[in-house]
Amino acid sequence: MQVPVYNLNGEAIKNIEINDTVFNVPFNEALVHQVFVAQRANARQGTADTKTRSEVAGSTKKLYRQKGTGNARAGNSRSPLRRHGGVTFGPHPRNYRQDTPKKMRQSAIRCLLSVKVRDGELKILENLELTEPKTKEMARILQTLGIENSALIVDGKPAENMVKSARNLPATKTLPAGLLNVGDLLSYKVLVMTENAVRQAESLWSKTPVEEV
């Protein structure tokens, strides 16, 4: 599949061939949903905790006698019915982790990359080398590419000037190609990749070996 490559002025300067096994696969909604749910679950710390009536501080003595007071029967002050008492059916530390096979995660990423291409939401830059960190310059580049919504900017390797130039822009995130994930691909409207990032993505997630250039 042929796709255009843009320079930093938003001009299409050439076309490149991208791997169909990465950027042109059918969309599998159930698979993407399962991987996304697992990713969100694995991000949970699972440290929320409440004290039961056996854990809260307080006397275990019966508050008053069973009969003859005219009040309802009462146990001790740790009862969940009373202020400062224990919590009934509250959360306790647990592990939310869901295991997903590596092939499933890779397939979900291929599905979303293919959707970006089909929907015209993938913009490929020849390079994104900035001489200095400058938010205004990054905003100009995104504007020349016609990006008005959120954007995920991906380069082949972490570039300090690129990261610093984009970190103050709203709804914009930068990532190295090796850390692309389902959650970020779903969260950002437009995917901006450098040509180097595209080749790295192909080498990581292609079903067939890709020769490095």
N, C-alpha and C. Protein backbone atom coordinates (compact mmCIF):
# COMPACT_ATOMS: atom_id res chain seq x y z
N MET A 1 0.84 -1.19 0.00
CA MET A 1 0.00 0.00 0.00
C MET A 1 0.88 1.25 0.00
N GLN A 2 0.53 2.20 -0.85
CA GLN A 2 1.28 3.44 -0.96
C GLN A 2 0.62 4.53 -0.11
N VAL A 3 1.44 5.24 0.68
CA VAL A 3 0.93 6.36 1.48
C VAL A 3 1.88 7.55 1.32
N PRO A 4 1.34 8.77 1.43
CA PRO A 4 2.20 9.95 1.27
C PRO A 4 3.03 10.23 2.52
N VAL A 5 4.17 10.84 2.30
CA VAL A 5 5.05 11.28 3.38
C VAL A 5 5.16 12.79 3.31
N TYR A 6 5.03 13.44 4.45
CA TYR A 6 5.01 14.91 4.51
C TYR A 6 6.30 15.43 5.14
N ASN A 7 6.65 16.67 4.77
CA ASN A 7 7.75 17.35 5.46
C ASN A 7 7.18 18.21 6.58
N LEU A 8 8.01 18.97 7.26
CA LEU A 8 7.56 19.74 8.42
C LEU A 8 6.71 20.94 8.04
N ASN A 9 6.58 21.20 6.73
CA ASN A 9 5.72 22.28 6.26
C ASN A 9 4.37 21.76 5.78
N GLY A 10 4.13 20.47 5.99
CA GLY A 10 2.85 19.88 5.60
C GLY A 10 2.73 19.58 4.13
N GLU A 11 3.86 19.53 3.40
CA GLU A 11 3.84 19.26 1.97
C GLU A 11 4.15 17.79 1.71
N ALA A 12 3.36 17.14 0.86
CA ALA A 12 3.62 15.75 0.49
C ALA A 12 4.82 15.72 -0.45
N ILE A 13 5.87 15.04 -0.03
CA ILE A 13 7.11 15.06 -0.81
C ILE A 13 7.38 13.75 -1.54
N LYS A 14 6.74 12.66 -1.08
CA LYS A 14 6.94 11.36 -1.74
C LYS A 14 5.91 10.38 -1.22
N ASN A 15 5.88 9.22 -1.86
CA ASN A 15 5.05 8.11 -1.39
C ASN A 15 5.96 6.96 -0.98
N ILE A 16 5.54 6.25 0.06
CA ILE A 16 6.30 5.07 0.47
C ILE A 16 5.36 3.87 0.54
N GLU A 17 5.95 2.70 0.44
CA GLU A 17 5.19 1.45 0.53
C GLU A 17 5.20 0.99 1.99
N ILE A 18 4.01 0.72 2.53
CA ILE A 18 3.92 0.21 3.89
C ILE A 18 3.39 -1.22 3.86
N ASN A 19 3.75 -1.97 4.87
CA ASN A 19 3.46 -3.40 4.93
C ASN A 19 1.98 -3.66 5.17
N ASP A 20 1.34 -4.38 4.27
CA ASP A 20 -0.10 -4.67 4.41
C ASP A 20 -0.41 -5.56 5.61
N THR A 21 0.56 -6.35 6.07
CA THR A 21 0.28 -7.22 7.21
C THR A 21 0.24 -6.44 8.53
N VAL A 22 0.64 -5.17 8.47
CA VAL A 22 0.59 -4.31 9.65
C VAL A 22 -0.46 -3.22 9.50
N PHE A 23 -0.55 -2.65 8.31
CA PHE A 23 -1.38 -1.47 8.10
C PHE A 23 -2.63 -1.73 7.24
N ASN A 24 -2.90 -2.97 6.93
CA ASN A 24 -4.09 -3.25 6.12
C ASN A 24 -4.67 -4.60 6.47
N VAL A 25 -5.12 -4.72 7.73
CA VAL A 25 -5.73 -5.97 8.19
C VAL A 25 -7.17 -5.68 8.61
N PRO A 26 -8.06 -6.67 8.55
CA PRO A 26 -9.45 -6.46 8.94
C PRO A 26 -9.55 -6.09 10.42
N PHE A 27 -10.58 -5.30 10.74
CA PHE A 27 -10.76 -4.87 12.12
C PHE A 27 -11.51 -5.94 12.92
N ASN A 28 -10.98 -6.29 14.07
CA ASN A 28 -11.59 -7.28 14.95
C ASN A 28 -12.00 -6.57 16.25
N GLU A 29 -13.26 -6.16 16.31
CA GLU A 29 -13.72 -5.35 17.44
C GLU A 29 -13.61 -6.09 18.77
N ALA A 30 -14.00 -7.36 18.77
CA ALA A 30 -13.97 -8.14 20.01
C ALA A 30 -12.54 -8.27 20.55
N LEU A 31 -11.59 -8.49 19.66
CA LEU A 31 -10.19 -8.63 20.06
C LEU A 31 -9.67 -7.32 20.65
N VAL A 32 -9.92 -6.20 19.96
CA VAL A 32 -9.45 -4.90 20.43
C VAL A 32 -10.07 -4.57 21.78
N HIS A 33 -11.35 -4.86 21.94
CA HIS A 33 -12.03 -4.59 23.21
C HIS A 33 -11.41 -5.40 24.34
N GLN A 34 -11.16 -6.67 24.09
CA GLN A 34 -10.59 -7.54 25.13
C GLN A 34 -9.21 -7.06 25.55
N VAL A 35 -8.37 -6.69 24.59
CA VAL A 35 -7.02 -6.23 24.91
C VAL A 35 -7.06 -4.89 25.64
N PHE A 36 -7.98 -4.01 25.24
CA PHE A 36 -8.09 -2.71 25.88
C PHE A 36 -8.54 -2.85 27.34
N VAL A 37 -9.54 -3.71 27.56
CA VAL A 37 -10.03 -3.94 28.93
C VAL A 37 -8.92 -4.51 29.80
N ALA A 38 -8.15 -5.44 29.26
CA ALA A 38 -7.04 -6.03 30.01
C ALA A 38 -5.98 -4.99 30.33
N GLN A 39 -5.69 -4.11 29.39
CA GLN A 39 -4.69 -3.07 29.63
C GLN A 39 -5.13 -2.13 30.74
N ARG A 40 -6.41 -1.76 30.71
CA ARG A 40 -6.94 -0.88 31.75
C ARG A 40 -6.94 -1.59 33.11
N ALA A 41 -7.28 -2.86 33.11
CA ALA A 41 -7.30 -3.61 34.36
C ALA A 41 -5.90 -3.76 34.94
N ASN A 42 -4.92 -3.98 34.07
CA ASN A 42 -3.54 -4.16 34.54
C ASN A 42 -2.94 -2.87 35.09
N ALA A 43 -3.55 -1.74 34.73
CA ALA A 43 -3.06 -0.45 35.24
C ALA A 43 -3.58 -0.15 36.65
N ARG A 44 -4.56 -0.93 37.11
CA ARG A 44 -5.13 -0.70 38.43
C ARG A 44 -4.18 -1.19 39.52
N GLN A 45 -4.03 -0.41 40.58
CA GLN A 45 -3.15 -0.81 41.66
C GLN A 45 -3.79 -1.87 42.54
N GLY A 46 -5.09 -1.80 42.71
CA GLY A 46 -5.78 -2.78 43.55
C GLY A 46 -5.45 -2.64 45.02
N THR A 47 -5.16 -1.41 45.48
CA THR A 47 -4.78 -1.21 46.88
C THR A 47 -5.92 -0.64 47.73
N ALA A 48 -7.09 -0.41 47.14
CA ALA A 48 -8.21 0.13 47.92
C ALA A 48 -8.57 -0.84 49.05
N ASP A 49 -8.79 -0.28 50.24
CA ASP A 49 -9.06 -1.15 51.38
C ASP A 49 -9.97 -0.45 52.37
N THR A 50 -10.86 -1.20 52.98
CA THR A 50 -11.71 -0.70 54.07
C THR A 50 -11.62 -1.68 55.23
N LYS A 51 -11.95 -1.19 56.41
CA LYS A 51 -11.86 -2.02 57.61
C LYS A 51 -13.22 -2.65 57.92
N THR A 52 -13.19 -3.92 58.22
CA THR A 52 -14.40 -4.60 58.65
C THR A 52 -14.60 -4.34 60.15
N ARG A 53 -15.70 -4.85 60.69
CA ARG A 53 -15.98 -4.61 62.10
C ARG A 53 -14.95 -5.26 63.02
N SER A 54 -14.23 -6.24 62.51
CA SER A 54 -13.20 -6.88 63.32
C SER A 54 -11.89 -6.11 63.30
N GLU A 55 -11.77 -5.12 62.41
CA GLU A 55 -10.51 -4.38 62.26
C GLU A 55 -10.56 -2.97 62.82
N VAL A 56 -11.75 -2.37 62.95
CA VAL A 56 -11.82 -1.00 63.45
C VAL A 56 -11.57 -0.97 64.95
N ALA A 57 -11.12 0.18 65.44
CA ALA A 57 -10.86 0.34 66.87
C ALA A 57 -12.18 0.52 67.61
N GLY A 58 -12.26 -0.02 68.80
CA GLY A 58 -13.48 0.12 69.59
C GLY A 58 -13.69 -1.08 70.49
N SER A 59 -14.48 -0.88 71.52
CA SER A 59 -14.74 -1.95 72.47
C SER A 59 -15.67 -2.99 71.87
N THR A 60 -15.51 -4.21 72.34
CA THR A 60 -16.41 -5.29 71.91
C THR A 60 -17.53 -5.51 72.93
N LYS A 61 -17.60 -4.61 73.91
CA LYS A 61 -18.64 -4.75 74.93
C LYS A 61 -20.01 -4.38 74.37
N LYS A 62 -21.03 -5.10 74.76
CA LYS A 62 -22.41 -4.78 74.35
C LYS A 62 -22.77 -3.40 74.90
N LEU A 63 -23.36 -2.56 74.06
CA LEU A 63 -23.58 -1.17 74.44
C LEU A 63 -24.55 -1.03 75.61
N TYR A 64 -25.61 -1.79 75.61
CA TYR A 64 -26.55 -1.79 76.72
C TYR A 64 -27.28 -3.12 76.72
N ARG A 65 -28.01 -3.36 77.80
CA ARG A 65 -28.63 -4.66 77.96
C ARG A 65 -29.65 -4.94 76.85
N GLN A 66 -29.91 -6.22 76.68
CA GLN A 66 -30.76 -6.66 75.58
C GLN A 66 -32.21 -6.18 75.73
N LYS A 67 -32.74 -6.29 76.93
CA LYS A 67 -34.17 -6.01 77.11
C LYS A 67 -34.38 -4.91 78.16
N GLY A 68 -35.57 -4.32 78.10
CA GLY A 68 -35.98 -3.39 79.13
C GLY A 68 -35.65 -1.94 78.90
N THR A 69 -34.91 -1.62 77.82
CA THR A 69 -34.55 -0.21 77.59
C THR A 69 -35.50 0.47 76.62
N GLY A 70 -36.25 -0.30 75.86
CA GLY A 70 -37.13 0.28 74.85
C GLY A 70 -36.42 0.57 73.55
N ASN A 71 -35.10 0.39 73.50
CA ASN A 71 -34.33 0.61 72.27
C ASN A 71 -34.21 -0.68 71.47
N ALA A 72 -33.82 -0.54 70.23
CA ALA A 72 -33.57 -1.72 69.42
C ALA A 72 -32.35 -2.45 69.98
N ARG A 73 -32.30 -3.75 69.73
CA ARG A 73 -31.17 -4.53 70.20
C ARG A 73 -29.87 -4.02 69.56
N ALA A 74 -28.82 -3.95 70.31
CA ALA A 74 -27.55 -3.43 69.80
C ALA A 74 -26.40 -4.27 70.29
N GLY A 75 -25.42 -4.46 69.42
CA GLY A 75 -24.21 -5.17 69.81
C GLY A 75 -23.16 -4.17 70.27
N ASN A 76 -21.96 -4.20 69.66
CA ASN A 76 -20.92 -3.28 70.10
C ASN A 76 -20.79 -2.10 69.14
N SER A 77 -19.89 -1.20 69.49
CA SER A 77 -19.74 0.05 68.73
C SER A 77 -19.06 -0.15 67.38
N ARG A 78 -18.56 -1.35 67.13
CA ARG A 78 -17.91 -1.61 65.84
C ARG A 78 -18.92 -1.97 64.74
N SER A 79 -20.18 -2.04 65.09
CA SER A 79 -21.20 -2.43 64.12
C SER A 79 -21.20 -1.51 62.90
N PRO A 80 -21.36 -2.06 61.70
CA PRO A 80 -21.42 -1.23 60.48
C PRO A 80 -22.58 -0.23 60.51
N LEU A 81 -23.55 -0.44 61.37
CA LEU A 81 -24.70 0.47 61.44
C LEU A 81 -24.36 1.75 62.20
N ARG A 82 -23.24 1.79 62.88
CA ARG A 82 -22.90 2.93 63.72
C ARG A 82 -21.74 3.74 63.14
N ARG A 83 -21.71 5.00 63.49
CA ARG A 83 -20.64 5.89 63.07
C ARG A 83 -19.30 5.35 63.59
N HIS A 84 -18.30 5.40 62.74
CA HIS A 84 -16.97 4.89 63.04
C HIS A 84 -16.94 3.36 63.13
N GLY A 85 -18.03 2.71 62.73
CA GLY A 85 -18.04 1.25 62.72
C GLY A 85 -17.38 0.71 61.46
N GLY A 86 -17.37 -0.60 61.35
CA GLY A 86 -16.77 -1.23 60.17
C GLY A 86 -17.59 -1.00 58.92
N VAL A 87 -17.02 -1.38 57.78
CA VAL A 87 -17.68 -1.23 56.49
C VAL A 87 -18.13 -2.60 56.00
N THR A 88 -19.38 -2.67 55.57
CA THR A 88 -19.91 -3.93 55.06
C THR A 88 -19.63 -4.08 53.57
N PHE A 89 -19.05 -5.18 53.17
CA PHE A 89 -18.78 -5.49 51.76
C PHE A 89 -17.95 -4.41 51.06
N GLY A 90 -17.04 -3.79 51.81
CA GLY A 90 -16.17 -2.78 51.21
C GLY A 90 -15.04 -3.40 50.42
N PRO A 91 -14.28 -2.60 49.67
CA PRO A 91 -13.17 -3.14 48.87
C PRO A 91 -11.99 -3.56 49.74
N HIS A 92 -11.26 -4.54 49.28
CA HIS A 92 -10.05 -5.00 49.93
C HIS A 92 -8.98 -5.22 48.85
N PRO A 93 -7.71 -5.17 49.20
CA PRO A 93 -6.66 -5.33 48.19
C PRO A 93 -6.84 -6.60 47.36
N ARG A 94 -6.73 -6.45 46.05
CA ARG A 94 -6.87 -7.59 45.16
C ARG A 94 -6.08 -7.34 43.89
N ASN A 95 -5.85 -8.39 43.14
CA ASN A 95 -5.11 -8.30 41.89
C ASN A 95 -6.09 -8.31 40.72
N TYR A 96 -6.10 -7.23 39.95
CA TYR A 96 -7.02 -7.11 38.82
C TYR A 96 -6.40 -7.61 37.51
N ARG A 97 -5.20 -8.11 37.56
CA ARG A 97 -4.46 -8.42 36.34
C ARG A 97 -5.17 -9.44 35.46
N GLN A 98 -5.16 -9.14 34.15
CA GLN A 98 -5.68 -10.07 33.16
C GLN A 98 -4.56 -10.39 32.17
N ASP A 99 -4.27 -11.64 32.01
CA ASP A 99 -3.21 -12.05 31.09
C ASP A 99 -3.75 -12.10 29.66
N THR A 100 -3.02 -11.46 28.76
CA THR A 100 -3.38 -11.53 27.34
C THR A 100 -2.15 -12.01 26.57
N PRO A 101 -2.30 -13.00 25.72
CA PRO A 101 -1.15 -13.49 24.95
C PRO A 101 -0.52 -12.40 24.09
N LYS A 102 0.76 -12.51 23.87
CA LYS A 102 1.50 -11.53 23.08
C LYS A 102 0.92 -11.40 21.68
N LYS A 103 0.52 -12.51 21.08
CA LYS A 103 -0.02 -12.47 19.73
C LYS A 103 -1.33 -11.69 19.68
N MET A 104 -2.12 -11.77 20.74
CA MET A 104 -3.38 -11.01 20.79
C MET A 104 -3.09 -9.52 20.83
N ARG A 105 -2.13 -9.12 21.66
CA ARG A 105 -1.79 -7.70 21.78
C ARG A 105 -1.26 -7.16 20.45
N GLN A 106 -0.41 -7.94 19.81
CA GLN A 106 0.14 -7.52 18.53
C GLN A 106 -0.95 -7.40 17.47
N SER A 107 -1.86 -8.35 17.45
CA SER A 107 -2.94 -8.34 16.46
C SER A 107 -3.86 -7.14 16.69
N ALA A 108 -4.11 -6.79 17.95
CA ALA A 108 -4.96 -5.63 18.25
C ALA A 108 -4.30 -4.34 17.77
N ILE A 109 -3.00 -4.23 17.94
CA ILE A 109 -2.28 -3.04 17.47
C ILE A 109 -2.34 -2.96 15.95
N ARG A 110 -2.18 -4.09 15.27
CA ARG A 110 -2.28 -4.09 13.81
C ARG A 110 -3.67 -3.64 13.35
N CYS A 111 -4.70 -4.10 14.06
CA CYS A 111 -6.08 -3.71 13.72
C CYS A 111 -6.25 -2.19 13.80
N LEU A 112 -5.73 -1.60 14.88
CA LEU A 112 -5.92 -0.16 15.08
C LEU A 112 -5.06 0.66 14.12
N LEU A 113 -3.86 0.19 13.82
CA LEU A 113 -3.03 0.90 12.83
C LEU A 113 -3.72 0.88 11.47
N SER A 114 -4.34 -0.23 11.13
CA SER A 114 -5.04 -0.35 9.85
C SER A 114 -6.25 0.58 9.81
N VAL A 115 -6.95 0.71 10.93
CA VAL A 115 -8.10 1.63 10.99
C VAL A 115 -7.65 3.06 10.78
N LYS A 116 -6.52 3.43 11.38
CA LYS A 116 -5.99 4.79 11.22
C LYS A 116 -5.71 5.08 9.74
N VAL A 117 -5.14 4.10 9.05
CA VAL A 117 -4.84 4.29 7.63
C VAL A 117 -6.13 4.43 6.82
N ARG A 118 -7.10 3.54 7.06
CA ARG A 118 -8.34 3.56 6.29
C ARG A 118 -9.15 4.84 6.53
N ASP A 119 -9.08 5.36 7.75
CA ASP A 119 -9.85 6.57 8.08
C ASP A 119 -9.10 7.86 7.77
N GLY A 120 -7.91 7.73 7.21
CA GLY A 120 -7.12 8.92 6.88
C GLY A 120 -6.59 9.63 8.11
N GLU A 121 -6.39 8.88 9.21
CA GLU A 121 -5.94 9.48 10.46
C GLU A 121 -4.48 9.15 10.76
N LEU A 122 -3.76 8.66 9.75
CA LEU A 122 -2.33 8.42 9.90
C LEU A 122 -1.57 9.43 9.06
N LYS A 123 -0.71 10.21 9.69
CA LYS A 123 0.14 11.17 9.00
C LYS A 123 1.60 10.75 9.19
N ILE A 124 2.31 10.58 8.08
CA ILE A 124 3.70 10.14 8.15
C ILE A 124 4.62 11.31 7.80
N LEU A 125 5.55 11.59 8.70
CA LEU A 125 6.53 12.65 8.47
C LEU A 125 7.87 12.03 8.07
N GLU A 126 8.58 12.74 7.20
CA GLU A 126 9.90 12.26 6.79
C GLU A 126 10.81 12.16 8.01
N ASN A 127 10.77 13.17 8.85
CA ASN A 127 11.49 13.15 10.13
C ASN A 127 10.89 14.22 11.03
N LEU A 128 11.27 14.18 12.28
CA LEU A 128 10.75 15.17 13.23
C LEU A 128 11.91 15.66 14.10
N GLU A 129 12.97 16.04 13.42
CA GLU A 129 14.16 16.51 14.13
C GLU A 129 14.05 18.01 14.36
N LEU A 130 14.00 18.41 15.62
CA LEU A 130 13.90 19.81 16.00
C LEU A 130 15.23 20.25 16.60
N THR A 131 15.68 21.45 16.21
CA THR A 131 16.97 21.95 16.69
C THR A 131 16.92 22.36 18.15
N GLU A 132 15.72 22.73 18.61
CA GLU A 132 15.55 23.14 20.00
C GLU A 132 14.12 22.84 20.44
N PRO A 133 13.90 22.65 21.74
CA PRO A 133 12.53 22.42 22.20
C PRO A 133 11.71 23.70 22.11
N LYS A 134 10.64 23.64 21.32
CA LYS A 134 9.83 24.83 21.12
C LYS A 134 8.39 24.42 20.87
N THR A 135 7.52 24.71 21.83
CA THR A 135 6.12 24.31 21.72
C THR A 135 5.45 24.95 20.51
N LYS A 136 5.78 26.21 20.24
CA LYS A 136 5.17 26.92 19.12
C LYS A 136 5.48 26.23 17.80
N GLU A 137 6.68 25.71 17.65
CA GLU A 137 7.07 25.02 16.42
C GLU A 137 6.30 23.71 16.25
N MET A 138 6.13 22.97 17.35
CA MET A 138 5.36 21.72 17.27
C MET A 138 3.90 22.01 16.93
N ALA A 139 3.35 23.07 17.51
CA ALA A 139 1.96 23.44 17.22
C ALA A 139 1.81 23.82 15.75
N ARG A 140 2.84 24.48 15.20
CA ARG A 140 2.80 24.86 13.78
C ARG A 140 2.82 23.62 12.89
N ILE A 141 3.66 22.66 13.25
CA ILE A 141 3.76 21.43 12.45
C ILE A 141 2.42 20.69 12.43
N LEU A 142 1.79 20.58 13.59
CA LEU A 142 0.50 19.90 13.66
C LEU A 142 -0.56 20.65 12.86
N GLN A 143 -0.48 21.97 12.89
CA GLN A 143 -1.46 22.77 12.14
C GLN A 143 -1.27 22.60 10.64
N THR A 144 -0.02 22.55 10.18
CA THR A 144 0.23 22.39 8.74
C THR A 144 -0.25 21.01 8.25
N LEU A 145 -0.29 20.04 9.18
CA LEU A 145 -0.79 18.70 8.81
C LEU A 145 -2.31 18.62 8.87
N GLY A 146 -2.94 19.72 9.27
CA GLY A 146 -4.40 19.75 9.34
C GLY A 146 -4.97 19.03 10.55
N ILE A 147 -4.18 18.95 11.62
CA ILE A 147 -4.63 18.25 12.83
C ILE A 147 -5.29 19.25 13.77
N GLU A 148 -6.57 19.07 14.00
CA GLU A 148 -7.32 19.97 14.87
C GLU A 148 -7.75 19.28 16.16
N ASN A 149 -7.69 17.95 16.19
CA ASN A 149 -8.10 17.22 17.38
C ASN A 149 -6.88 16.70 18.12
N SER A 150 -7.05 15.65 18.89
CA SER A 150 -5.94 15.07 19.64
C SER A 150 -4.98 14.36 18.71
N ALA A 151 -3.72 14.28 19.13
CA ALA A 151 -2.69 13.68 18.28
C ALA A 151 -1.73 12.85 19.11
N LEU A 152 -1.37 11.68 18.58
CA LEU A 152 -0.35 10.83 19.18
C LEU A 152 0.86 10.86 18.25
N ILE A 153 1.98 11.37 18.76
CA ILE A 153 3.18 11.56 17.95
C ILE A 153 4.17 10.45 18.28
N VAL A 154 4.57 9.70 17.25
CA VAL A 154 5.43 8.53 17.46
C VAL A 154 6.70 8.65 16.62
N ASP A 155 7.83 8.49 17.29
CA ASP A 155 9.12 8.50 16.59
C ASP A 155 9.81 7.17 16.84
N GLY A 156 10.85 6.92 16.08
CA GLY A 156 11.54 5.64 16.22
C GLY A 156 12.22 5.48 17.56
N LYS A 157 12.75 6.56 18.10
CA LYS A 157 13.41 6.52 19.40
C LYS A 157 13.08 7.81 20.15
N PRO A 158 13.17 7.81 21.46
CA PRO A 158 12.85 9.02 22.23
C PRO A 158 13.73 10.19 21.81
N ALA A 159 13.10 11.29 21.40
CA ALA A 159 13.83 12.49 21.00
C ALA A 159 13.48 13.59 22.00
N GLU A 160 14.47 14.06 22.72
CA GLU A 160 14.23 15.01 23.82
C GLU A 160 13.55 16.28 23.35
N ASN A 161 14.01 16.85 22.24
CA ASN A 161 13.41 18.09 21.75
C ASN A 161 11.96 17.89 21.33
N MET A 162 11.68 16.74 20.74
CA MET A 162 10.31 16.45 20.33
C MET A 162 9.39 16.32 21.55
N VAL A 163 9.86 15.60 22.55
CA VAL A 163 9.05 15.40 23.76
C VAL A 163 8.78 16.73 24.46
N LYS A 164 9.82 17.54 24.62
CA LYS A 164 9.66 18.82 25.32
C LYS A 164 8.79 19.79 24.53
N SER A 165 8.83 19.69 23.20
CA SER A 165 8.04 20.62 22.37
C SER A 165 6.56 20.28 22.40
N ALA A 166 6.23 19.02 22.68
CA ALA A 166 4.83 18.60 22.62
C ALA A 166 4.16 18.47 23.97
N ARG A 167 4.93 18.46 25.06
CA ARG A 167 4.36 18.11 26.36
C ARG A 167 3.39 19.16 26.90
N ASN A 168 3.49 20.42 26.42
CA ASN A 168 2.57 21.45 26.90
C ASN A 168 1.37 21.65 25.97
N LEU A 169 1.31 20.89 24.90
CA LEU A 169 0.17 21.01 23.99
C LEU A 169 -0.99 20.15 24.51
N PRO A 170 -2.20 20.70 24.52
CA PRO A 170 -3.34 19.91 25.01
C PRO A 170 -3.66 18.75 24.07
N ALA A 171 -4.10 17.64 24.65
CA ALA A 171 -4.52 16.46 23.89
C ALA A 171 -3.44 15.98 22.92
N THR A 172 -2.18 16.05 23.37
CA THR A 172 -1.06 15.59 22.54
C THR A 172 -0.12 14.75 23.38
N LYS A 173 0.33 13.64 22.83
CA LYS A 173 1.24 12.75 23.56
C LYS A 173 2.31 12.23 22.62
N THR A 174 3.50 12.05 23.14
CA THR A 174 4.60 11.50 22.34
C THR A 174 4.98 10.12 22.88
N LEU A 175 5.39 9.24 21.96
CA LEU A 175 5.78 7.87 22.33
C LEU A 175 6.86 7.38 21.38
N PRO A 176 7.78 6.54 21.86
CA PRO A 176 8.64 5.81 20.94
C PRO A 176 7.83 4.67 20.31
N ALA A 177 8.22 4.26 19.13
CA ALA A 177 7.44 3.26 18.38
C ALA A 177 7.27 1.96 19.16
N GLY A 178 8.28 1.58 19.93
CA GLY A 178 8.22 0.32 20.65
C GLY A 178 7.20 0.29 21.78
N LEU A 179 6.69 1.47 22.17
CA LEU A 179 5.71 1.54 23.26
C LEU A 179 4.30 1.81 22.78
N LEU A 180 4.06 1.69 21.49
CA LEU A 180 2.69 1.85 20.99
C LEU A 180 1.78 0.82 21.65
N ASN A 181 0.60 1.27 22.03
CA ASN A 181 -0.31 0.36 22.71
C ASN A 181 -1.76 0.66 22.33
N VAL A 182 -2.64 -0.28 22.64
CA VAL A 182 -4.05 -0.17 22.26
C VAL A 182 -4.72 1.03 22.91
N GLY A 183 -4.43 1.26 24.19
CA GLY A 183 -5.07 2.36 24.91
C GLY A 183 -4.80 3.71 24.28
N ASP A 184 -3.54 3.99 23.94
CA ASP A 184 -3.20 5.28 23.33
C ASP A 184 -3.74 5.39 21.91
N LEU A 185 -3.73 4.31 21.17
CA LEU A 185 -4.26 4.36 19.80
C LEU A 185 -5.75 4.65 19.79
N LEU A 186 -6.46 4.20 20.82
CA LEU A 186 -7.89 4.48 20.91
C LEU A 186 -8.17 5.87 21.48
N SER A 187 -7.25 6.39 22.26
CA SER A 187 -7.49 7.66 22.97
C SER A 187 -7.21 8.90 22.12
N TYR A 188 -6.39 8.76 21.10
CA TYR A 188 -6.00 9.92 20.29
C TYR A 188 -6.51 9.77 18.86
N LYS A 189 -7.03 10.87 18.33
CA LYS A 189 -7.69 10.85 17.03
C LYS A 189 -6.71 10.60 15.88
N VAL A 190 -5.65 11.39 15.83
CA VAL A 190 -4.71 11.33 14.70
C VAL A 190 -3.39 10.72 15.18
N LEU A 191 -2.85 9.83 14.37
CA LEU A 191 -1.57 9.21 14.66
C LEU A 191 -0.52 9.81 13.73
N VAL A 192 0.47 10.47 14.31
CA VAL A 192 1.57 11.06 13.53
C VAL A 192 2.80 10.21 13.76
N MET A 193 3.32 9.63 12.68
CA MET A 193 4.50 8.77 12.78
C MET A 193 5.59 9.27 11.85
N THR A 194 6.82 9.17 12.30
CA THR A 194 7.93 9.44 11.40
C THR A 194 8.15 8.20 10.53
N GLU A 195 8.86 8.40 9.43
CA GLU A 195 9.13 7.26 8.53
C GLU A 195 9.91 6.17 9.26
N ASN A 196 10.83 6.59 10.13
CA ASN A 196 11.60 5.63 10.92
C ASN A 196 10.69 4.84 11.86
N ALA A 197 9.69 5.51 12.45
CA ALA A 197 8.75 4.84 13.36
C ALA A 197 7.92 3.81 12.61
N VAL A 198 7.54 4.14 11.37
CA VAL A 198 6.77 3.19 10.56
C VAL A 198 7.57 1.92 10.31
N ARG A 199 8.86 2.08 9.99
CA ARG A 199 9.69 0.91 9.72
C ARG A 199 9.91 0.09 10.99
N GLN A 200 10.02 0.75 12.12
CA GLN A 200 10.15 0.02 13.37
C GLN A 200 8.88 -0.75 13.70
N ALA A 201 7.73 -0.11 13.45
CA ALA A 201 6.44 -0.77 13.69
C ALA A 201 6.32 -2.02 12.82
N GLU A 202 6.77 -1.92 11.58
CA GLU A 202 6.72 -3.07 10.68
C GLU A 202 7.62 -4.19 11.17
N SER A 203 8.80 -3.84 11.66
CA SER A 203 9.72 -4.88 12.14
C SER A 203 9.21 -5.53 13.43
N LEU A 204 8.44 -4.77 14.22
CA LEU A 204 7.94 -5.30 15.48
C LEU A 204 6.68 -6.15 15.30
N TRP A 205 5.78 -5.72 14.43
CA TRP A 205 4.46 -6.34 14.36
C TRP A 205 4.12 -6.99 13.03
N SER A 206 5.05 -7.01 12.11
CA SER A 206 4.79 -7.65 10.84
C SER A 206 4.79 -9.16 11.00
N LYS A 207 3.92 -9.82 10.24
CA LYS A 207 3.87 -11.29 10.27
C LYS A 207 5.00 -11.89 9.44
N THR A 208 5.60 -11.07 8.60
CA THR A 208 6.73 -11.53 7.81
C THR A 208 7.95 -10.66 8.12
N PRO A 209 9.14 -11.21 8.10
CA PRO A 209 10.35 -10.44 8.44
C PRO A 209 10.49 -9.23 7.52
N VAL A 210 10.90 -8.10 8.11
CA VAL A 210 11.12 -6.87 7.35
C VAL A 210 12.58 -6.50 7.41
N GLU A 211 13.17 -6.26 6.25
CA GLU A 211 14.57 -5.88 6.21
C GLU A 211 14.72 -4.44 6.64
N GLU A 212 15.70 -4.19 7.51
CA GLU A 212 15.95 -2.83 7.98
C GLU A 212 16.65 -2.04 6.90
N VAL A 213 16.27 -0.74 6.85
CA VAL A 213 16.89 0.13 5.86
C VAL A 213 17.84 1.07 6.55
